[in-house]
């Protein structure tokens, strides 16, 4: 594979797993928004969900994107 193709695959993969992680974090923020939790707990949870989602989705999304574009 050429350097340009590898770079393009890396960018597409990064956009997918970052977008998915952001969507999951936003979902957590909205789910915790019932007024029972203070803002520190909500934002701490959002950061925690985002980091965990990145850890989980990176190794899953990268091979899927590579398989799709090969």
Protein backbone atom coordinates (compact mmCIF):
# COMPACT_ATOMS: atom_id res chain seq x y z
CA UNK A 1 0.00 0.00 0.00
CA UNK A 2 1.25 3.45 -0.76
CA UNK A 3 1.94 6.09 1.84
CA UNK A 4 -0.97 8.23 0.65
CA UNK A 5 -3.42 5.34 0.89
CA UNK A 6 -2.23 4.44 4.39
CA UNK A 7 -2.55 8.05 5.46
CA UNK A 8 -6.06 8.25 4.00
CA UNK A 9 -7.07 5.04 5.82
CA UNK A 10 -5.67 6.44 9.07
CA UNK A 11 -7.62 9.68 8.68
CA UNK A 12 -10.88 7.92 7.80
CA UNK A 13 -10.45 5.51 10.73
CA UNK A 14 -9.69 8.36 13.13
CA UNK A 15 -12.77 10.26 12.00
CA UNK A 16 -14.96 7.20 12.53
CA UNK A 17 -13.76 6.20 15.99
CA UNK A 18 -13.54 9.78 17.23
CA UNK A 19 -17.04 10.54 15.96
CA UNK A 20 -18.44 7.37 17.51
CA UNK A 21 -16.74 8.09 20.83
CA UNK A 22 -18.04 11.65 20.80
CA UNK A 23 -21.57 10.43 20.08
CA UNK A 24 -21.39 7.97 22.99
CA UNK A 25 -20.09 10.68 25.31
CA UNK A 26 -22.88 13.02 24.22
CA UNK A 27 -25.39 10.24 24.84
CA UNK A 28 -24.03 9.81 28.35
CA UNK A 29 -24.25 13.56 28.97
CA UNK A 30 -27.87 13.62 27.86
CA UNK A 31 -28.75 10.50 29.85
CA UNK A 32 -27.21 11.96 33.03
CA UNK A 33 -28.99 15.28 32.55
CA UNK A 34 -32.01 14.63 34.71
CA UNK A 35 -30.88 17.16 37.28
CA UNK A 36 -29.86 14.55 39.83
CA UNK A 37 -26.15 14.92 39.14
CA UNK A 38 -23.99 18.02 39.42
CA UNK A 39 -21.97 19.32 36.49
CA UNK A 40 -18.64 17.97 37.76
CA UNK A 41 -20.04 14.44 37.87
CA UNK A 42 -21.60 14.80 34.42
CA UNK A 43 -18.47 16.16 32.76
CA UNK A 44 -16.27 13.64 34.56
CA UNK A 45 -18.51 10.89 33.27
CA UNK A 46 -18.44 12.33 29.75
CA UNK A 47 -14.63 12.35 29.76
CA UNK A 48 -14.52 8.82 31.18
CA UNK A 49 -16.98 7.49 28.57
CA UNK A 50 -15.11 9.24 25.75
CA UNK A 51 -11.75 7.76 26.78
CA UNK A 52 -13.16 4.26 27.24
CA UNK A 53 -15.02 4.47 23.94
CA UNK A 54 -11.79 5.50 22.18
CA UNK A 55 -9.93 2.56 23.73
CA UNK A 56 -12.65 0.13 22.66
CA UNK A 57 -13.42 1.48 19.18
CA UNK A 58 -9.87 2.05 17.89
CA UNK A 59 -8.93 -1.62 17.50
CA UNK A 60 -12.36 -2.43 16.10
CA UNK A 61 -12.79 0.38 13.55
CA UNK A 62 -9.28 0.38 12.04
CA UNK A 63 -9.45 -3.19 10.62
CA UNK A 64 -13.01 -2.62 9.41
CA UNK A 65 -11.97 0.48 7.47
CA UNK A 66 -8.91 -1.30 6.05
CA UNK A 67 -11.05 -4.24 4.92
CA UNK A 68 -13.61 -1.94 3.32
CA UNK A 69 -11.06 0.02 1.28
CA UNK A 70 -8.92 -2.92 0.16
